[in-house]
């Protein structure tokens, strides 16, 4: 660490390969126990998989569904997609999007919270 007037001064730079372990010491991701690395890998994989599915479905509806009802094609069920845009889809597509919004959205949030906790909580807490 750099010194100023005999005192150690922390560098203001952020280290992209590490994080603060909750006690103020910078710890590298390589220092995590194996089980935490595996959990983080699984969580990131699930997060990407579920998030991609959710975004892909919403983008597909946004791009392909009409913005006015089309009774001939049975696209009469209104849904709101990215940015609040109104599109009309079939009953099956509306149910699929509702399922994605009510189940996968909260799961992605829980995965993000778990990932954050695995990174922030100290690996070896100090005894009080």
Foldseek 3Di string as FASTA:
>chain_A
DDDDPNDDDDDPDDDPQWDAQQPRDTDGPVPADPVLVVLLVVLVVVLCVLVCVLLVLLVCQVPPFAQDDDVVQQQACWDAGPPRRIGTGHPVSVVVNVCSVVPSVVVSVVSVVVNVCSRHHHRDDDDD
